[in-house]
Amino acid sequence: APDFALRPLGGGAPVTRASLQGKPALLVFWAPWCGVCKAEARNVEWARALVGDRAEVVSVAQGYRSPAEVEQYVREQGVGGRVLLGTEDTEAAYRLEAFPTAYFLDADGTIKHSAVGYTTTLGFVLRLLL
């Protein structure tokens, strides 16, 4: 998967793709204005709860006007875990053409699967752990 170094919402050290290695990871790219992303947000949270410590689940905000807009989305949709502030470089590197887009990485950081559009909780969990 393409590398990145993205700031977490609320500050802190940048998170890199390499820092996620060691266990499977789910990267979910979404935009605050995306209705399908809002419908899918609960599924991501349920998947996060189901996989627990067996995998990393990371949300990446794209297409936002300000961090405050992302904070409002996170609060309203109940997004937990790591929320990263994506960049135009990230959007280009991951060839994002629609939201939501999810990438499923293995423990070595290699892309195993991807999904564009609405994904169910079971779809997230199965692709992430199998």
N, C-alpha and C. Protein backbone atom coordinates (compact mmCIF):
# COMPACT_ATOMS: atom_id res chain seq x y z
N ALA A 1 0.85 -1.18 0.00
CA ALA A 1 0.00 0.00 0.00
C ALA A 1 0.90 1.24 0.00
N PRO A 2 0.44 2.30 -0.63
CA PRO A 2 1.22 3.54 -0.60
C PRO A 2 1.44 4.02 0.84
N ASP A 3 2.61 4.56 1.09
CA ASP A 3 2.91 5.06 2.42
C ASP A 3 2.22 6.40 2.60
N PHE A 4 2.05 6.79 3.85
CA PHE A 4 1.50 8.09 4.19
C PHE A 4 2.01 8.47 5.56
N ALA A 5 1.93 9.73 5.87
CA ALA A 5 2.21 10.27 7.20
C ALA A 5 1.14 11.33 7.44
N LEU A 6 0.09 10.94 8.16
CA LEU A 6 -1.07 11.81 8.34
C LEU A 6 -1.26 12.19 9.79
N ARG A 7 -1.66 13.45 9.98
CA ARG A 7 -1.92 13.95 11.33
C ARG A 7 -3.23 13.37 11.85
N PRO A 8 -3.22 12.96 13.10
CA PRO A 8 -4.48 12.54 13.72
C PRO A 8 -5.34 13.75 14.06
N LEU A 9 -6.64 13.58 13.99
CA LEU A 9 -7.56 14.62 14.41
C LEU A 9 -7.30 14.87 15.89
N GLY A 10 -7.16 16.11 16.27
CA GLY A 10 -6.88 16.44 17.66
C GLY A 10 -5.40 16.56 17.96
N GLY A 11 -4.54 16.31 16.97
CA GLY A 11 -3.11 16.49 17.16
C GLY A 11 -2.39 15.20 17.50
N GLY A 12 -1.11 15.33 17.69
CA GLY A 12 -0.27 14.17 17.99
C GLY A 12 0.67 13.88 16.85
N ALA A 13 1.49 12.87 17.06
CA ALA A 13 2.47 12.48 16.06
C ALA A 13 1.78 11.91 14.83
N PRO A 14 2.33 12.15 13.64
CA PRO A 14 1.74 11.58 12.43
C PRO A 14 1.70 10.06 12.49
N VAL A 15 0.66 9.51 11.87
CA VAL A 15 0.52 8.06 11.75
C VAL A 15 0.97 7.70 10.34
N THR A 16 1.78 6.67 10.23
CA THR A 16 2.26 6.21 8.92
C THR A 16 1.70 4.83 8.61
N ARG A 17 1.72 4.49 7.35
CA ARG A 17 1.29 3.15 6.96
C ARG A 17 2.19 2.12 7.63
N ALA A 18 3.48 2.40 7.70
CA ALA A 18 4.42 1.46 8.31
C ALA A 18 4.11 1.23 9.79
N SER A 19 3.57 2.24 10.47
CA SER A 19 3.26 2.08 11.89
C SER A 19 2.08 1.14 12.12
N LEU A 20 1.33 0.83 11.08
CA LEU A 20 0.19 -0.08 11.19
C LEU A 20 0.59 -1.53 10.97
N GLN A 21 1.80 -1.76 10.49
CA GLN A 21 2.24 -3.12 10.19
C GLN A 21 2.32 -3.95 11.46
N GLY A 22 2.18 -5.26 11.28
CA GLY A 22 2.23 -6.20 12.39
C GLY A 22 0.90 -6.89 12.62
N LYS A 23 -0.17 -6.28 12.12
CA LYS A 23 -1.49 -6.91 12.16
C LYS A 23 -2.29 -6.36 10.99
N PRO A 24 -3.35 -7.05 10.59
CA PRO A 24 -4.17 -6.53 9.48
C PRO A 24 -4.70 -5.14 9.81
N ALA A 25 -4.93 -4.36 8.76
CA ALA A 25 -5.45 -3.00 8.96
C ALA A 25 -6.54 -2.69 7.94
N LEU A 26 -7.52 -1.96 8.39
CA LEU A 26 -8.59 -1.45 7.54
C LEU A 26 -8.46 0.06 7.50
N LEU A 27 -8.31 0.60 6.29
CA LEU A 27 -8.28 2.04 6.08
C LEU A 27 -9.60 2.42 5.41
N VAL A 28 -10.40 3.22 6.08
CA VAL A 28 -11.67 3.66 5.52
C VAL A 28 -11.57 5.14 5.21
N PHE A 29 -11.63 5.48 3.93
CA PHE A 29 -11.57 6.87 3.47
C PHE A 29 -13.00 7.38 3.28
N TRP A 30 -13.30 8.52 3.89
CA TRP A 30 -14.65 9.07 3.82
C TRP A 30 -14.57 10.60 3.77
N ALA A 31 -15.70 11.20 3.46
CA ALA A 31 -15.81 12.66 3.41
C ALA A 31 -17.00 13.09 4.25
N PRO A 32 -16.89 14.21 4.96
CA PRO A 32 -17.98 14.65 5.84
C PRO A 32 -19.29 14.93 5.11
N TRP A 33 -19.23 15.27 3.84
CA TRP A 33 -20.43 15.60 3.08
C TRP A 33 -21.08 14.37 2.43
N CYS A 34 -20.48 13.22 2.58
CA CYS A 34 -20.90 11.99 1.89
C CYS A 34 -22.01 11.27 2.66
N GLY A 35 -23.20 11.19 2.08
CA GLY A 35 -24.33 10.51 2.71
C GLY A 35 -24.11 9.03 2.91
N VAL A 36 -23.50 8.36 1.94
CA VAL A 36 -23.23 6.93 2.07
C VAL A 36 -22.22 6.69 3.19
N CYS A 37 -21.25 7.59 3.33
CA CYS A 37 -20.27 7.48 4.42
C CYS A 37 -20.97 7.53 5.77
N LYS A 38 -21.95 8.41 5.90
CA LYS A 38 -22.70 8.52 7.15
C LYS A 38 -23.47 7.23 7.42
N ALA A 39 -24.05 6.64 6.39
CA ALA A 39 -24.79 5.39 6.56
C ALA A 39 -23.86 4.24 6.94
N GLU A 40 -22.63 4.29 6.48
CA GLU A 40 -21.67 3.22 6.72
C GLU A 40 -20.91 3.37 8.04
N ALA A 41 -20.89 4.57 8.61
CA ALA A 41 -20.06 4.86 9.80
C ALA A 41 -20.32 3.88 10.94
N ARG A 42 -21.55 3.55 11.20
CA ARG A 42 -21.87 2.60 12.29
C ARG A 42 -21.29 1.22 11.99
N ASN A 43 -21.30 0.80 10.73
CA ASN A 43 -20.73 -0.50 10.37
C ASN A 43 -19.24 -0.55 10.67
N VAL A 44 -18.55 0.55 10.40
CA VAL A 44 -17.11 0.62 10.70
C VAL A 44 -16.89 0.47 12.20
N GLU A 45 -17.71 1.14 12.99
CA GLU A 45 -17.56 1.07 14.44
C GLU A 45 -17.87 -0.33 14.97
N TRP A 46 -18.88 -0.97 14.43
CA TRP A 46 -19.18 -2.34 14.86
C TRP A 46 -18.05 -3.28 14.46
N ALA A 47 -17.50 -3.09 13.27
CA ALA A 47 -16.36 -3.91 12.84
C ALA A 47 -15.17 -3.69 13.77
N ARG A 48 -14.91 -2.44 14.14
CA ARG A 48 -13.82 -2.13 15.07
C ARG A 48 -14.01 -2.91 16.38
N ALA A 49 -15.23 -2.91 16.89
CA ALA A 49 -15.52 -3.61 18.14
C ALA A 49 -15.35 -5.12 17.98
N LEU A 50 -15.79 -5.66 16.86
CA LEU A 50 -15.71 -7.11 16.64
C LEU A 50 -14.28 -7.61 16.47
N VAL A 51 -13.43 -6.86 15.79
CA VAL A 51 -12.06 -7.33 15.56
C VAL A 51 -11.15 -7.05 16.75
N GLY A 52 -11.53 -6.07 17.58
CA GLY A 52 -10.75 -5.77 18.78
C GLY A 52 -9.28 -5.53 18.47
N ASP A 53 -8.41 -6.17 19.22
CA ASP A 53 -6.97 -5.99 19.06
C ASP A 53 -6.36 -6.81 17.93
N ARG A 54 -7.18 -7.61 17.24
CA ARG A 54 -6.64 -8.45 16.17
C ARG A 54 -6.31 -7.67 14.91
N ALA A 55 -6.81 -6.44 14.81
CA ALA A 55 -6.57 -5.63 13.60
C ALA A 55 -6.66 -4.15 13.96
N GLU A 56 -6.10 -3.32 13.10
CA GLU A 56 -6.21 -1.87 13.21
C GLU A 56 -7.35 -1.40 12.30
N VAL A 57 -8.19 -0.52 12.81
CA VAL A 57 -9.24 0.10 12.01
C VAL A 57 -9.01 1.60 12.09
N VAL A 58 -8.73 2.19 10.94
CA VAL A 58 -8.36 3.61 10.88
C VAL A 58 -9.28 4.33 9.91
N SER A 59 -9.86 5.43 10.37
CA SER A 59 -10.69 6.28 9.52
C SER A 59 -9.85 7.43 8.98
N VAL A 60 -9.99 7.70 7.70
CA VAL A 60 -9.24 8.80 7.08
C VAL A 60 -10.23 9.76 6.43
N ALA A 61 -10.28 10.97 6.96
CA ALA A 61 -11.16 12.01 6.42
C ALA A 61 -10.52 12.63 5.19
N GLN A 62 -11.27 12.77 4.15
CA GLN A 62 -10.85 13.42 2.90
C GLN A 62 -11.91 14.43 2.52
N GLY A 63 -11.59 15.34 1.65
CA GLY A 63 -12.58 16.26 1.11
C GLY A 63 -13.24 17.15 2.14
N TYR A 64 -12.53 17.49 3.18
CA TYR A 64 -13.09 18.35 4.23
C TYR A 64 -12.57 19.78 4.06
N ARG A 65 -13.33 20.73 4.59
CA ARG A 65 -12.93 22.14 4.52
C ARG A 65 -12.06 22.54 5.70
N SER A 66 -12.29 21.92 6.86
CA SER A 66 -11.52 22.27 8.05
C SER A 66 -11.55 21.11 9.03
N PRO A 67 -10.58 21.04 9.94
CA PRO A 67 -10.63 20.01 10.98
C PRO A 67 -11.90 20.10 11.82
N ALA A 68 -12.44 21.29 12.01
CA ALA A 68 -13.69 21.44 12.77
C ALA A 68 -14.84 20.69 12.10
N GLU A 69 -14.87 20.70 10.77
CA GLU A 69 -15.89 19.96 10.04
C GLU A 69 -15.75 18.46 10.29
N VAL A 70 -14.51 17.99 10.33
CA VAL A 70 -14.25 16.57 10.61
C VAL A 70 -14.66 16.24 12.05
N GLU A 71 -14.33 17.12 12.99
CA GLU A 71 -14.70 16.90 14.39
C GLU A 71 -16.21 16.79 14.55
N GLN A 72 -16.94 17.64 13.85
CA GLN A 72 -18.41 17.59 13.92
C GLN A 72 -18.92 16.26 13.37
N TYR A 73 -18.40 15.82 12.24
CA TYR A 73 -18.80 14.54 11.65
C TYR A 73 -18.53 13.40 12.63
N VAL A 74 -17.32 13.39 13.19
CA VAL A 74 -16.92 12.33 14.12
C VAL A 74 -17.87 12.29 15.31
N ARG A 75 -18.19 13.44 15.85
CA ARG A 75 -19.10 13.53 16.99
C ARG A 75 -20.50 13.05 16.62
N GLU A 76 -21.03 13.53 15.50
CA GLU A 76 -22.40 13.19 15.09
C GLU A 76 -22.55 11.74 14.68
N GLN A 77 -21.52 11.15 14.06
CA GLN A 77 -21.61 9.79 13.56
C GLN A 77 -21.06 8.75 14.55
N GLY A 78 -20.50 9.22 15.66
CA GLY A 78 -19.96 8.30 16.66
C GLY A 78 -18.73 7.56 16.20
N VAL A 79 -17.90 8.22 15.41
CA VAL A 79 -16.67 7.59 14.90
C VAL A 79 -15.67 7.51 16.04
N GLY A 80 -15.12 6.33 16.26
CA GLY A 80 -14.13 6.13 17.31
C GLY A 80 -12.78 5.75 16.73
N GLY A 81 -11.87 5.41 17.59
CA GLY A 81 -10.55 4.99 17.15
C GLY A 81 -9.77 6.13 16.52
N ARG A 82 -8.80 5.74 15.72
CA ARG A 82 -7.95 6.75 15.07
C ARG A 82 -8.67 7.38 13.89
N VAL A 83 -8.68 8.70 13.88
CA VAL A 83 -9.22 9.46 12.75
C VAL A 83 -8.07 10.32 12.25
N LEU A 84 -7.70 10.11 11.00
CA LEU A 84 -6.59 10.84 10.40
C LEU A 84 -7.11 11.87 9.41
N LEU A 85 -6.37 12.95 9.27
CA LEU A 85 -6.72 14.01 8.32
C LEU A 85 -5.98 13.75 7.02
N GLY A 86 -6.71 13.23 6.04
CA GLY A 86 -6.13 12.93 4.74
C GLY A 86 -5.74 14.20 3.98
N THR A 87 -4.93 13.99 2.96
CA THR A 87 -4.45 15.09 2.13
C THR A 87 -4.74 14.79 0.67
N GLU A 88 -4.50 15.78 -0.18
CA GLU A 88 -4.65 15.55 -1.62
C GLU A 88 -3.66 14.50 -2.09
N ASP A 89 -2.46 14.47 -1.50
CA ASP A 89 -1.47 13.45 -1.86
C ASP A 89 -1.98 12.05 -1.53
N THR A 90 -2.62 11.91 -0.38
CA THR A 90 -3.18 10.61 0.01
C THR A 90 -4.28 10.21 -0.98
N GLU A 91 -5.12 11.16 -1.32
CA GLU A 91 -6.21 10.89 -2.26
C GLU A 91 -5.66 10.40 -3.59
N ALA A 92 -4.58 11.02 -4.07
CA ALA A 92 -3.96 10.61 -5.33
C ALA A 92 -3.27 9.25 -5.19
N ALA A 93 -2.53 9.05 -4.11
CA ALA A 93 -1.78 7.81 -3.92
C ALA A 93 -2.71 6.60 -3.84
N TYR A 94 -3.86 6.76 -3.21
CA TYR A 94 -4.82 5.66 -3.06
C TYR A 94 -5.88 5.66 -4.16
N ARG A 95 -5.71 6.56 -5.14
CA ARG A 95 -6.60 6.63 -6.31
C ARG A 95 -8.07 6.67 -5.92
N LEU A 96 -8.36 7.56 -4.98
CA LEU A 96 -9.74 7.68 -4.49
C LEU A 96 -10.58 8.45 -5.49
N GLU A 97 -11.61 7.80 -5.97
CA GLU A 97 -12.51 8.41 -6.94
C GLU A 97 -13.92 8.56 -6.41
N ALA A 98 -14.21 7.87 -5.30
CA ALA A 98 -15.54 7.91 -4.69
C ALA A 98 -15.40 7.62 -3.20
N PHE A 99 -16.39 8.06 -2.46
CA PHE A 99 -16.41 7.80 -1.02
C PHE A 99 -17.70 7.07 -0.66
N PRO A 100 -17.64 6.19 0.30
CA PRO A 100 -16.46 5.72 1.01
C PRO A 100 -15.67 4.72 0.19
N THR A 101 -14.38 4.65 0.46
CA THR A 101 -13.50 3.63 -0.12
C THR A 101 -12.73 3.01 1.03
N ALA A 102 -12.66 1.68 1.03
CA ALA A 102 -11.95 0.96 2.09
C ALA A 102 -10.84 0.12 1.48
N TYR A 103 -9.71 0.11 2.14
CA TYR A 103 -8.59 -0.75 1.77
C TYR A 103 -8.30 -1.69 2.94
N PHE A 104 -8.11 -2.94 2.61
CA PHE A 104 -7.82 -3.98 3.60
C PHE A 104 -6.37 -4.41 3.40
N LEU A 105 -5.54 -4.17 4.42
CA LEU A 105 -4.12 -4.48 4.34
C LEU A 105 -3.80 -5.70 5.19
N ASP A 106 -2.85 -6.51 4.72
CA ASP A 106 -2.40 -7.61 5.56
C ASP A 106 -1.38 -7.10 6.57
N ALA A 107 -0.85 -7.97 7.39
CA ALA A 107 0.07 -7.57 8.46
C ALA A 107 1.36 -6.96 7.94
N ASP A 108 1.68 -7.21 6.67
CA ASP A 108 2.88 -6.64 6.05
C ASP A 108 2.62 -5.31 5.37
N GLY A 109 1.36 -4.86 5.35
CA GLY A 109 1.03 -3.58 4.72
C GLY A 109 0.69 -3.69 3.25
N THR A 110 0.45 -4.91 2.77
CA THR A 110 0.09 -5.14 1.38
C THR A 110 -1.43 -5.11 1.24
N ILE A 111 -1.92 -4.45 0.20
CA ILE A 111 -3.37 -4.40 -0.04
C ILE A 111 -3.87 -5.78 -0.44
N LYS A 112 -4.83 -6.30 0.32
CA LYS A 112 -5.47 -7.59 0.02
C LYS A 112 -6.76 -7.41 -0.74
N HIS A 113 -7.55 -6.41 -0.32
CA HIS A 113 -8.86 -6.15 -0.91
C HIS A 113 -9.12 -4.65 -0.88
N SER A 114 -10.11 -4.25 -1.66
CA SER A 114 -10.61 -2.89 -1.57
C SER A 114 -12.11 -2.93 -1.83
N ALA A 115 -12.80 -1.91 -1.37
CA ALA A 115 -14.25 -1.83 -1.57
C ALA A 115 -14.61 -0.36 -1.74
N VAL A 116 -15.43 -0.08 -2.75
CA VAL A 116 -15.91 1.27 -2.99
C VAL A 116 -17.41 1.26 -2.77
N GLY A 117 -17.88 2.22 -1.97
CA GLY A 117 -19.30 2.29 -1.67
C GLY A 117 -19.61 1.63 -0.34
N TYR A 118 -20.88 1.48 -0.07
CA TYR A 118 -21.36 0.96 1.21
C TYR A 118 -20.87 -0.46 1.45
N THR A 119 -20.35 -0.71 2.64
CA THR A 119 -19.91 -2.04 3.05
C THR A 119 -20.57 -2.38 4.37
N THR A 120 -21.04 -3.61 4.50
CA THR A 120 -21.67 -4.05 5.74
C THR A 120 -20.61 -4.35 6.79
N THR A 121 -21.05 -4.48 8.02
CA THR A 121 -20.14 -4.86 9.11
C THR A 121 -19.50 -6.20 8.81
N LEU A 122 -20.29 -7.18 8.42
CA LEU A 122 -19.76 -8.50 8.11
C LEU A 122 -18.75 -8.42 6.96
N GLY A 123 -19.03 -7.59 5.96
CA GLY A 123 -18.11 -7.42 4.85
C GLY A 123 -16.77 -6.87 5.31
N PHE A 124 -16.79 -5.92 6.22
CA PHE A 124 -15.54 -5.39 6.77
C PHE A 124 -14.77 -6.47 7.52
N VAL A 125 -15.45 -7.15 8.43
CA VAL A 125 -14.79 -8.12 9.29
C VAL A 125 -14.22 -9.28 8.48
N LEU A 126 -14.99 -9.83 7.57
CA LEU A 126 -14.51 -10.97 6.78
C LEU A 126 -13.32 -10.62 5.92
N ARG A 127 -13.39 -9.49 5.22
CA ARG A 127 -12.26 -9.08 4.38
C ARG A 127 -11.01 -8.76 5.21
N LEU A 128 -11.22 -8.24 6.40
CA LEU A 128 -10.10 -7.85 7.25
C LEU A 128 -9.40 -9.05 7.86
N LEU A 129 -10.16 -10.04 8.31
CA LEU A 129 -9.55 -11.15 9.05
C LEU A 129 -9.32 -12.40 8.24
N LEU A 130 -9.89 -12.51 7.06
CA LEU A 130 -9.69 -13.74 6.26
C LEU A 130 -8.68 -13.54 5.16
